[in-house]
N, C-alpha and C. Protein backbone atom coordinates (compact mmCIF):
# COMPACT_ATOMS: atom_id res chain seq x y z
N UNK A 1 -146.76 -56.49 84.05
CA UNK A 1 -145.70 -55.66 83.49
C UNK A 1 -144.40 -55.82 84.28
N UNK A 2 -144.51 -55.91 85.62
CA UNK A 2 -143.28 -56.05 86.42
C UNK A 2 -142.60 -57.39 86.16
N UNK A 3 -143.40 -58.45 85.91
CA UNK A 3 -142.78 -59.75 85.58
C UNK A 3 -142.02 -59.68 84.26
N UNK A 4 -142.61 -59.02 83.25
CA UNK A 4 -141.94 -58.88 81.96
C UNK A 4 -140.70 -58.00 82.09
N UNK A 5 -140.78 -56.96 82.92
CA UNK A 5 -139.62 -56.10 83.16
C UNK A 5 -138.49 -56.90 83.79
N UNK A 6 -138.83 -57.77 84.76
CA UNK A 6 -137.80 -58.60 85.41
C UNK A 6 -137.12 -59.52 84.40
N UNK A 7 -137.90 -60.10 83.49
CA UNK A 7 -137.33 -60.97 82.47
C UNK A 7 -136.40 -60.17 81.56
N UNK A 8 -136.84 -59.00 81.15
CA UNK A 8 -136.02 -58.14 80.30
C UNK A 8 -134.72 -57.74 81.01
N UNK A 9 -134.83 -57.32 82.27
CA UNK A 9 -133.64 -56.90 83.01
C UNK A 9 -132.68 -58.06 83.23
N UNK A 10 -133.21 -59.25 83.47
CA UNK A 10 -132.34 -60.41 83.65
C UNK A 10 -131.54 -60.70 82.39
N UNK A 11 -132.17 -60.50 81.23
CA UNK A 11 -131.47 -60.77 79.98
C UNK A 11 -130.49 -59.66 79.62
N UNK A 12 -130.62 -58.49 80.23
CA UNK A 12 -129.74 -57.37 79.95
C UNK A 12 -128.83 -57.06 81.13
N UNK A 13 -128.39 -58.08 81.86
CA UNK A 13 -127.58 -57.86 83.06
C UNK A 13 -126.26 -57.17 82.76
N UNK A 14 -125.85 -57.15 81.48
CA UNK A 14 -124.62 -56.46 81.14
C UNK A 14 -124.73 -54.96 81.42
N UNK A 15 -125.96 -54.44 81.53
CA UNK A 15 -126.12 -53.03 81.87
C UNK A 15 -125.76 -52.76 83.33
N UNK A 16 -125.69 -53.80 84.11
CA UNK A 16 -125.26 -53.68 85.50
C UNK A 16 -124.04 -54.57 85.73
N UNK A 17 -122.93 -54.21 85.11
CA UNK A 17 -121.73 -55.03 85.32
C UNK A 17 -121.29 -54.93 86.77
N UNK A 18 -120.45 -55.84 87.18
CA UNK A 18 -119.92 -55.78 88.52
C UNK A 18 -118.94 -54.62 88.65
N UNK A 19 -118.60 -54.33 89.85
CA UNK A 19 -117.63 -53.26 90.00
C UNK A 19 -117.31 -52.93 91.44
N UNK A 20 -116.22 -52.21 91.58
CA UNK A 20 -115.77 -51.71 92.88
C UNK A 20 -116.37 -50.34 93.11
N UNK A 21 -116.82 -50.10 94.30
CA UNK A 21 -117.35 -48.80 94.69
C UNK A 21 -116.57 -48.30 95.89
N UNK A 22 -116.18 -47.05 95.81
CA UNK A 22 -115.45 -46.40 96.91
C UNK A 22 -116.23 -45.13 97.21
N UNK A 23 -116.72 -45.01 98.43
CA UNK A 23 -117.52 -43.85 98.81
C UNK A 23 -116.96 -43.27 100.10
N UNK A 24 -117.07 -41.95 100.24
CA UNK A 24 -116.53 -41.27 101.41
C UNK A 24 -117.42 -40.10 101.79
N UNK A 25 -117.23 -39.64 103.02
CA UNK A 25 -117.92 -38.45 103.51
C UNK A 25 -117.07 -37.80 104.58
N UNK A 26 -117.44 -36.60 104.93
CA UNK A 26 -116.68 -35.83 105.90
C UNK A 26 -116.76 -36.40 107.31
N UNK A 27 -117.93 -36.80 107.74
CA UNK A 27 -118.10 -37.24 109.12
C UNK A 27 -117.87 -36.08 110.07
N UNK A 28 -117.15 -36.31 111.15
CA UNK A 28 -116.93 -35.26 112.15
C UNK A 28 -115.73 -34.38 111.84
N UNK A 29 -114.88 -34.78 110.89
CA UNK A 29 -113.67 -34.00 110.59
C UNK A 29 -113.62 -33.64 109.11
N UNK A 30 -113.37 -32.35 108.81
CA UNK A 30 -113.20 -31.97 107.40
C UNK A 30 -111.84 -32.42 106.89
N UNK A 31 -111.63 -32.28 105.62
CA UNK A 31 -110.34 -32.65 105.03
C UNK A 31 -110.51 -33.06 103.59
N UNK A 32 -109.63 -33.92 103.13
CA UNK A 32 -109.68 -34.37 101.75
C UNK A 32 -109.35 -35.85 101.70
N UNK A 33 -109.67 -36.43 100.56
CA UNK A 33 -109.30 -37.82 100.28
C UNK A 33 -108.62 -37.83 98.92
N UNK A 34 -107.61 -38.63 98.81
CA UNK A 34 -106.98 -38.86 97.50
C UNK A 34 -106.48 -40.29 97.48
N UNK A 35 -106.45 -40.82 96.29
CA UNK A 35 -105.99 -42.20 96.19
C UNK A 35 -105.97 -42.70 94.77
N UNK A 36 -105.62 -43.97 94.67
CA UNK A 36 -105.68 -44.63 93.37
C UNK A 36 -106.05 -46.08 93.58
N UNK A 37 -106.65 -46.62 92.53
CA UNK A 37 -107.07 -48.01 92.52
C UNK A 37 -106.43 -48.68 91.31
N UNK A 38 -105.70 -49.76 91.56
CA UNK A 38 -105.05 -50.53 90.49
C UNK A 38 -105.87 -51.79 90.25
N UNK A 39 -106.29 -51.97 88.99
CA UNK A 39 -107.08 -53.11 88.60
C UNK A 39 -106.26 -53.92 87.61
N UNK A 40 -106.01 -55.17 87.92
CA UNK A 40 -105.11 -55.97 87.09
C UNK A 40 -105.68 -56.27 85.70
N UNK A 41 -106.98 -56.51 85.59
CA UNK A 41 -107.54 -56.93 84.31
C UNK A 41 -108.18 -55.84 83.49
N UNK A 42 -108.14 -54.61 83.92
CA UNK A 42 -108.75 -53.52 83.18
C UNK A 42 -110.20 -53.30 83.58
N UNK A 43 -110.75 -52.20 83.11
CA UNK A 43 -112.10 -51.82 83.51
C UNK A 43 -112.93 -51.42 82.30
N UNK A 44 -114.24 -51.38 82.49
CA UNK A 44 -115.16 -50.94 81.44
C UNK A 44 -115.27 -49.42 81.47
N UNK A 45 -115.57 -48.89 82.65
CA UNK A 45 -115.71 -47.45 82.81
C UNK A 45 -115.69 -47.10 84.29
N UNK A 46 -115.50 -45.81 84.56
CA UNK A 46 -115.59 -45.28 85.91
C UNK A 46 -116.73 -44.28 85.89
N UNK A 47 -117.67 -44.43 86.81
CA UNK A 47 -118.83 -43.55 86.81
C UNK A 47 -119.07 -42.96 88.20
N UNK A 48 -119.67 -41.78 88.19
CA UNK A 48 -120.22 -41.17 89.38
C UNK A 48 -121.72 -41.31 89.20
N UNK A 49 -122.35 -42.16 90.00
CA UNK A 49 -123.80 -42.29 89.80
C UNK A 49 -124.47 -42.60 91.12
N UNK A 50 -125.79 -42.56 91.09
CA UNK A 50 -126.59 -42.72 92.30
C UNK A 50 -126.60 -44.16 92.76
N UNK A 51 -125.55 -44.56 93.47
CA UNK A 51 -125.51 -45.89 94.06
C UNK A 51 -126.50 -45.93 95.21
N UNK A 52 -126.64 -44.82 95.88
CA UNK A 52 -127.48 -44.71 97.07
C UNK A 52 -128.10 -43.32 97.04
N UNK A 53 -129.32 -43.13 97.52
CA UNK A 53 -129.90 -41.79 97.53
C UNK A 53 -128.96 -40.78 98.17
N UNK A 54 -128.88 -39.61 97.60
CA UNK A 54 -128.03 -38.53 98.04
C UNK A 54 -126.55 -38.84 97.84
N UNK A 55 -126.25 -39.85 97.05
CA UNK A 55 -124.86 -40.18 96.73
C UNK A 55 -124.49 -39.34 95.53
N UNK A 56 -123.51 -38.49 95.69
CA UNK A 56 -123.10 -37.58 94.63
C UNK A 56 -121.60 -37.72 94.47
N UNK A 57 -121.06 -37.19 93.42
CA UNK A 57 -119.63 -37.38 93.21
C UNK A 57 -118.97 -36.16 92.58
N UNK A 58 -118.97 -35.03 93.25
CA UNK A 58 -118.28 -33.87 92.69
C UNK A 58 -116.79 -33.93 92.99
N UNK A 59 -116.06 -34.71 92.23
CA UNK A 59 -114.64 -34.91 92.46
C UNK A 59 -113.84 -33.69 92.01
N UNK A 60 -112.76 -33.40 92.73
CA UNK A 60 -111.83 -32.37 92.28
C UNK A 60 -111.06 -32.87 91.06
N UNK A 61 -110.70 -34.14 91.08
CA UNK A 61 -110.02 -34.72 89.92
C UNK A 61 -110.27 -36.22 89.85
N UNK A 62 -110.35 -36.73 88.64
CA UNK A 62 -110.53 -38.15 88.38
C UNK A 62 -109.81 -38.45 87.08
N UNK A 63 -108.83 -39.35 87.13
CA UNK A 63 -108.09 -39.72 85.92
C UNK A 63 -108.02 -41.23 85.80
N UNK A 64 -107.95 -41.69 84.57
CA UNK A 64 -107.80 -43.11 84.27
C UNK A 64 -106.57 -43.26 83.40
N UNK A 65 -105.71 -44.21 83.74
CA UNK A 65 -104.49 -44.41 82.96
C UNK A 65 -104.82 -44.85 81.54
N UNK A 66 -103.87 -44.66 80.63
CA UNK A 66 -104.08 -45.00 79.23
C UNK A 66 -104.37 -46.48 79.00
N UNK A 67 -103.89 -47.36 79.91
CA UNK A 67 -104.13 -48.80 79.75
C UNK A 67 -105.37 -49.28 80.52
N UNK A 68 -106.17 -48.35 81.07
CA UNK A 68 -107.40 -48.67 81.82
C UNK A 68 -107.16 -49.56 83.04
N UNK A 69 -106.04 -49.38 83.70
CA UNK A 69 -105.74 -50.21 84.86
C UNK A 69 -105.58 -49.42 86.17
N UNK A 70 -105.45 -48.10 86.08
CA UNK A 70 -105.27 -47.28 87.28
C UNK A 70 -106.25 -46.12 87.25
N UNK A 71 -107.04 -46.00 88.32
CA UNK A 71 -107.96 -44.89 88.50
C UNK A 71 -107.43 -44.05 89.66
N UNK A 72 -107.21 -42.76 89.42
CA UNK A 72 -106.74 -41.86 90.47
C UNK A 72 -107.82 -40.82 90.73
N UNK A 73 -108.00 -40.46 92.01
CA UNK A 73 -109.05 -39.51 92.36
C UNK A 73 -108.59 -38.63 93.52
N UNK A 74 -109.22 -37.47 93.62
CA UNK A 74 -108.99 -36.54 94.72
C UNK A 74 -110.27 -35.75 94.92
N UNK A 75 -110.65 -35.54 96.20
CA UNK A 75 -111.87 -34.80 96.49
C UNK A 75 -111.81 -34.23 97.89
N UNK A 76 -112.41 -33.06 98.05
CA UNK A 76 -112.63 -32.53 99.38
C UNK A 76 -113.74 -33.36 100.01
N UNK A 77 -113.66 -33.59 101.31
CA UNK A 77 -114.69 -34.35 101.99
C UNK A 77 -115.90 -33.46 102.23
N UNK A 78 -117.08 -33.96 101.89
CA UNK A 78 -118.32 -33.22 102.09
C UNK A 78 -119.22 -33.95 103.07
N UNK A 79 -120.35 -33.35 103.37
CA UNK A 79 -121.26 -33.95 104.35
C UNK A 79 -122.04 -35.13 103.77
N UNK A 80 -122.33 -35.11 102.46
CA UNK A 80 -123.03 -36.21 101.83
C UNK A 80 -122.04 -37.22 101.27
N UNK A 81 -122.52 -38.43 101.04
CA UNK A 81 -121.68 -39.47 100.45
C UNK A 81 -121.28 -39.07 99.04
N UNK A 82 -120.01 -39.20 98.75
CA UNK A 82 -119.46 -38.96 97.42
C UNK A 82 -118.62 -40.17 97.06
N UNK A 83 -118.34 -40.35 95.77
CA UNK A 83 -117.48 -41.47 95.43
C UNK A 83 -117.51 -41.87 93.99
N UNK A 84 -116.96 -43.04 93.73
CA UNK A 84 -116.86 -43.55 92.36
C UNK A 84 -117.25 -45.02 92.33
N UNK A 85 -117.70 -45.45 91.15
CA UNK A 85 -117.95 -46.86 90.89
C UNK A 85 -117.07 -47.24 89.70
N UNK A 86 -116.25 -48.26 89.89
CA UNK A 86 -115.34 -48.73 88.85
C UNK A 86 -115.94 -50.02 88.29
N UNK A 87 -116.53 -49.93 87.10
CA UNK A 87 -117.19 -51.09 86.50
C UNK A 87 -116.19 -51.91 85.70
N UNK A 88 -116.34 -53.23 85.80
CA UNK A 88 -115.42 -54.13 85.10
C UNK A 88 -116.14 -55.38 84.63
N UNK A 89 -115.58 -56.08 83.64
CA UNK A 89 -116.27 -57.22 83.05
C UNK A 89 -116.25 -58.49 83.88
N UNK A 90 -115.36 -58.60 84.85
CA UNK A 90 -115.27 -59.82 85.65
C UNK A 90 -114.76 -59.49 87.05
N UNK A 91 -114.90 -60.45 87.95
CA UNK A 91 -114.40 -60.25 89.31
C UNK A 91 -112.89 -60.08 89.28
N UNK A 92 -112.41 -59.02 89.89
CA UNK A 92 -110.98 -58.76 89.95
C UNK A 92 -110.64 -58.16 91.31
N UNK A 93 -109.54 -58.59 91.86
CA UNK A 93 -109.09 -57.94 93.08
C UNK A 93 -108.59 -56.54 92.72
N UNK A 94 -108.48 -55.72 93.74
CA UNK A 94 -108.09 -54.33 93.52
C UNK A 94 -107.05 -53.93 94.56
N UNK A 95 -106.08 -53.17 94.13
CA UNK A 95 -105.06 -52.65 95.05
C UNK A 95 -105.38 -51.19 95.27
N UNK A 96 -105.69 -50.84 96.50
CA UNK A 96 -106.07 -49.48 96.85
C UNK A 96 -104.96 -48.79 97.62
N UNK A 97 -104.72 -47.55 97.29
CA UNK A 97 -103.77 -46.71 98.03
C UNK A 97 -104.49 -45.40 98.29
N UNK A 98 -105.07 -45.26 99.48
CA UNK A 98 -105.91 -44.12 99.82
C UNK A 98 -105.32 -43.37 101.00
N UNK A 99 -105.40 -42.08 100.92
CA UNK A 99 -105.01 -41.20 102.02
C UNK A 99 -106.23 -40.34 102.35
N UNK A 100 -106.70 -40.42 103.59
CA UNK A 100 -107.89 -39.67 104.01
C UNK A 100 -107.52 -38.80 105.19
N UNK A 101 -107.72 -37.48 105.04
CA UNK A 101 -107.34 -36.50 106.07
C UNK A 101 -105.85 -36.62 106.41
N UNK A 102 -105.03 -36.95 105.42
CA UNK A 102 -103.60 -37.04 105.61
C UNK A 102 -103.11 -38.35 106.22
N UNK A 103 -104.02 -39.28 106.50
CA UNK A 103 -103.64 -40.55 107.13
C UNK A 103 -103.84 -41.71 106.16
N UNK A 104 -102.95 -42.70 106.24
CA UNK A 104 -103.08 -43.91 105.43
C UNK A 104 -103.73 -45.04 106.23
N UNK A 105 -104.09 -44.78 107.48
CA UNK A 105 -104.85 -45.73 108.30
C UNK A 105 -106.26 -45.19 108.45
N UNK A 106 -107.25 -45.98 108.03
CA UNK A 106 -108.64 -45.52 108.00
C UNK A 106 -109.55 -46.62 108.51
N UNK A 107 -110.52 -46.25 109.34
CA UNK A 107 -111.57 -47.18 109.71
C UNK A 107 -112.59 -47.14 108.59
N UNK A 108 -112.81 -48.28 107.96
CA UNK A 108 -113.68 -48.34 106.79
C UNK A 108 -114.66 -49.48 106.91
N UNK A 109 -115.76 -49.37 106.20
CA UNK A 109 -116.70 -50.46 106.05
C UNK A 109 -116.33 -51.15 104.75
N UNK A 110 -115.81 -52.37 104.88
CA UNK A 110 -115.40 -53.18 103.73
C UNK A 110 -116.49 -54.21 103.52
N UNK A 111 -117.33 -54.00 102.50
CA UNK A 111 -118.52 -54.83 102.35
C UNK A 111 -119.43 -54.56 103.53
N UNK A 112 -119.72 -55.58 104.30
CA UNK A 112 -120.58 -55.41 105.48
C UNK A 112 -119.77 -55.35 106.78
N UNK A 113 -118.45 -55.50 106.70
CA UNK A 113 -117.61 -55.56 107.90
C UNK A 113 -116.89 -54.24 108.16
N UNK A 114 -116.83 -53.84 109.42
CA UNK A 114 -116.07 -52.66 109.81
C UNK A 114 -114.63 -53.09 110.08
N UNK A 115 -113.65 -52.43 109.43
CA UNK A 115 -112.25 -52.83 109.56
C UNK A 115 -111.36 -51.61 109.63
N UNK A 116 -110.23 -51.77 110.30
CA UNK A 116 -109.16 -50.77 110.28
C UNK A 116 -108.25 -51.17 109.12
N UNK A 117 -108.15 -50.30 108.12
CA UNK A 117 -107.34 -50.59 106.95
C UNK A 117 -106.11 -49.70 106.92
N UNK A 118 -104.97 -50.29 106.55
CA UNK A 118 -103.74 -49.54 106.31
C UNK A 118 -103.46 -49.62 104.82
N UNK A 119 -103.28 -48.47 104.21
CA UNK A 119 -103.05 -48.42 102.76
C UNK A 119 -101.58 -48.25 102.46
N UNK A 120 -101.10 -48.86 101.37
CA UNK A 120 -101.84 -49.59 100.34
C UNK A 120 -102.29 -50.97 100.84
N UNK A 121 -103.37 -51.46 100.24
CA UNK A 121 -103.90 -52.77 100.60
C UNK A 121 -104.55 -53.41 99.38
N UNK A 122 -104.59 -54.73 99.38
CA UNK A 122 -105.23 -55.50 98.31
C UNK A 122 -106.56 -56.02 98.86
N UNK A 123 -107.62 -55.88 98.06
CA UNK A 123 -108.96 -56.31 98.47
C UNK A 123 -109.53 -57.21 97.39
N UNK A 124 -110.18 -58.30 97.80
CA UNK A 124 -110.80 -59.22 96.85
C UNK A 124 -112.31 -59.03 96.85
N UNK A 125 -112.97 -59.34 95.72
CA UNK A 125 -114.43 -59.24 95.69
C UNK A 125 -115.10 -60.09 96.77
N UNK A 126 -114.53 -61.22 97.08
CA UNK A 126 -115.13 -62.11 98.08
C UNK A 126 -115.25 -61.45 99.44
N UNK A 127 -114.21 -60.75 99.88
CA UNK A 127 -114.26 -60.15 101.21
C UNK A 127 -115.05 -58.84 101.27
N UNK A 128 -115.35 -58.24 100.12
CA UNK A 128 -116.04 -56.95 100.10
C UNK A 128 -117.39 -57.01 99.38
N UNK A 129 -117.88 -58.21 99.11
CA UNK A 129 -119.10 -58.36 98.33
C UNK A 129 -120.33 -57.86 99.09
N UNK A 130 -121.20 -57.20 98.35
CA UNK A 130 -122.47 -56.72 98.89
C UNK A 130 -123.40 -56.64 97.69
N UNK A 131 -124.70 -56.72 97.89
CA UNK A 131 -125.59 -56.54 96.76
C UNK A 131 -126.43 -55.28 96.98
N UNK A 132 -127.08 -54.84 95.93
CA UNK A 132 -127.82 -53.58 96.00
C UNK A 132 -128.98 -53.65 96.98
N UNK A 133 -129.45 -54.85 97.28
CA UNK A 133 -130.56 -54.99 98.23
C UNK A 133 -130.12 -54.66 99.66
N UNK A 134 -128.86 -54.92 99.99
CA UNK A 134 -128.38 -54.67 101.36
C UNK A 134 -127.44 -53.47 101.42
N UNK A 135 -127.37 -52.74 100.34
CA UNK A 135 -126.46 -51.60 100.26
C UNK A 135 -126.78 -50.50 101.26
N UNK A 136 -128.06 -50.28 101.50
CA UNK A 136 -128.46 -49.20 102.39
C UNK A 136 -127.82 -49.34 103.76
N UNK A 137 -127.70 -50.56 104.26
CA UNK A 137 -127.10 -50.80 105.57
C UNK A 137 -125.68 -50.23 105.66
N UNK A 138 -124.91 -50.38 104.60
CA UNK A 138 -123.52 -49.90 104.61
C UNK A 138 -123.46 -48.39 104.75
N UNK A 139 -124.41 -47.68 104.13
CA UNK A 139 -124.40 -46.23 104.19
C UNK A 139 -125.11 -45.67 105.42
N UNK A 140 -126.02 -46.44 106.00
CA UNK A 140 -126.73 -45.96 107.18
C UNK A 140 -125.89 -46.03 108.45
N UNK A 141 -124.88 -46.89 108.47
CA UNK A 141 -124.00 -46.99 109.63
C UNK A 141 -123.23 -45.69 109.78
N UNK A 142 -123.05 -45.22 110.99
CA UNK A 142 -122.34 -43.96 111.23
C UNK A 142 -120.95 -44.20 111.80
N UNK A 143 -120.44 -45.43 111.70
CA UNK A 143 -119.17 -45.78 112.33
C UNK A 143 -117.98 -45.67 111.38
N UNK A 144 -118.21 -45.32 110.13
CA UNK A 144 -117.11 -45.20 109.16
C UNK A 144 -117.41 -44.09 108.17
N UNK A 145 -116.37 -43.42 107.73
CA UNK A 145 -116.52 -42.37 106.73
C UNK A 145 -116.00 -42.81 105.37
N UNK A 146 -115.61 -44.08 105.27
CA UNK A 146 -115.15 -44.66 104.01
C UNK A 146 -115.83 -46.02 103.85
N UNK A 147 -116.43 -46.24 102.69
CA UNK A 147 -117.11 -47.50 102.39
C UNK A 147 -116.52 -48.04 101.09
N UNK A 148 -116.09 -49.30 101.13
CA UNK A 148 -115.52 -49.96 99.94
C UNK A 148 -116.27 -51.27 99.77
N UNK A 149 -116.81 -51.49 98.57
CA UNK A 149 -117.53 -52.74 98.37
C UNK A 149 -117.50 -53.15 96.91
N UNK A 150 -117.80 -54.44 96.70
CA UNK A 150 -117.89 -55.04 95.37
C UNK A 150 -119.35 -55.35 95.10
N UNK A 151 -119.87 -54.88 93.96
CA UNK A 151 -121.23 -55.21 93.54
C UNK A 151 -121.16 -56.30 92.47
N UNK A 152 -121.91 -57.36 92.68
CA UNK A 152 -121.96 -58.45 91.71
C UNK A 152 -122.65 -57.98 90.44
N UNK A 153 -122.27 -58.51 89.28
CA UNK A 153 -122.96 -58.16 88.05
C UNK A 153 -124.44 -58.54 88.12
N UNK A 154 -125.28 -57.68 87.56
CA UNK A 154 -126.72 -57.97 87.51
C UNK A 154 -127.42 -57.93 88.84
N UNK A 155 -126.87 -57.23 89.84
CA UNK A 155 -127.49 -57.24 91.17
C UNK A 155 -128.50 -56.11 91.36
N UNK A 156 -128.98 -55.55 90.27
CA UNK A 156 -130.00 -54.51 90.34
C UNK A 156 -131.29 -55.11 90.92
N UNK A 157 -131.98 -54.39 91.80
CA UNK A 157 -133.24 -54.92 92.34
C UNK A 157 -134.26 -55.14 91.22
N UNK A 158 -135.15 -56.10 91.43
CA UNK A 158 -136.18 -56.37 90.42
C UNK A 158 -137.22 -55.26 90.42
N UNK A 159 -138.01 -55.21 89.36
CA UNK A 159 -139.06 -54.20 89.25
C UNK A 159 -140.05 -54.33 90.40
N UNK A 160 -140.38 -55.57 90.80
CA UNK A 160 -141.30 -55.77 91.92
C UNK A 160 -140.74 -55.17 93.20
N UNK A 161 -139.45 -55.42 93.46
CA UNK A 161 -138.83 -54.88 94.67
C UNK A 161 -138.85 -53.36 94.67
N UNK A 162 -138.55 -52.75 93.51
CA UNK A 162 -138.58 -51.29 93.40
C UNK A 162 -139.99 -50.77 93.66
N UNK A 163 -140.99 -51.44 93.06
CA UNK A 163 -142.38 -51.01 93.24
C UNK A 163 -142.80 -51.14 94.70
N UNK A 164 -142.44 -52.26 95.34
CA UNK A 164 -142.80 -52.46 96.75
C UNK A 164 -142.12 -51.42 97.64
N UNK A 165 -140.87 -51.08 97.36
CA UNK A 165 -140.16 -50.08 98.15
C UNK A 165 -140.82 -48.71 97.99
N UNK A 166 -141.22 -48.36 96.77
CA UNK A 166 -141.88 -47.08 96.52
C UNK A 166 -143.24 -47.03 97.20
N UNK A 167 -144.00 -48.13 97.14
CA UNK A 167 -145.30 -48.20 97.80
C UNK A 167 -145.14 -48.04 99.31
N UNK A 168 -144.14 -48.71 99.88
CA UNK A 168 -143.89 -48.60 101.32
C UNK A 168 -143.52 -47.16 101.70
N UNK A 169 -142.69 -46.51 100.88
CA UNK A 169 -142.31 -45.13 101.15
C UNK A 169 -143.54 -44.22 101.15
N UNK A 170 -144.44 -44.41 100.17
CA UNK A 170 -145.66 -43.59 100.09
C UNK A 170 -146.57 -43.83 101.29
N UNK A 171 -146.74 -45.10 101.69
CA UNK A 171 -147.60 -45.41 102.84
C UNK A 171 -147.02 -44.81 104.12
N UNK A 172 -145.69 -44.82 104.28
CA UNK A 172 -145.08 -44.18 105.45
C UNK A 172 -145.32 -42.68 105.42
N UNK A 173 -145.16 -42.06 104.25
CA UNK A 173 -145.37 -40.61 104.13
C UNK A 173 -146.80 -40.22 104.47
N UNK A 174 -147.75 -41.08 104.15
CA UNK A 174 -149.17 -40.80 104.46
C UNK A 174 -149.54 -41.18 105.88
N UNK A 175 -148.65 -41.82 106.60
CA UNK A 175 -148.90 -42.18 108.00
C UNK A 175 -149.63 -43.47 108.20
N UNK A 176 -149.78 -44.28 107.14
CA UNK A 176 -150.48 -45.55 107.27
C UNK A 176 -149.64 -46.62 107.95
N UNK A 177 -148.33 -46.57 107.80
CA UNK A 177 -147.43 -47.53 108.44
C UNK A 177 -146.26 -46.78 109.08
N UNK A 178 -145.60 -47.44 110.02
CA UNK A 178 -144.43 -46.83 110.68
C UNK A 178 -143.17 -47.19 109.97
């Protein structure tokens, strides 16, 4: 069944289009985040969804321009990861203008790299690419309160990988493995 599921999911990769993800959390300092993302070629949709366990997105405001090229957001910083995923039909660079805790200079995890970013800034999918298999690493690091990454289209884990991860989680909970 998992092999057939993998074949089906591979043929339906449009359900996992590529996209930009911007996630934030409070860290050691409370405050707010606000910003906008300019996408030159337009987008499919903007979603708040479970990119990572405990990833939630209770935004104070989220707007999309009439031409589907500018996404604006504002949110109070919380203890859990919050954010947005901007899905699009093809790889596109993005121009970000973010203010976090009143500052336009932010230490962020851009893909897998930790960087000091000054906003506004232009980011390409190549420099921020990450896949869902290595996504956990970006959120487990405690060195940044802002994570920006590009997910390749169709990068959803296979059914076998999901099953193996669930089996491993159960075995750890029962104390069979560390």
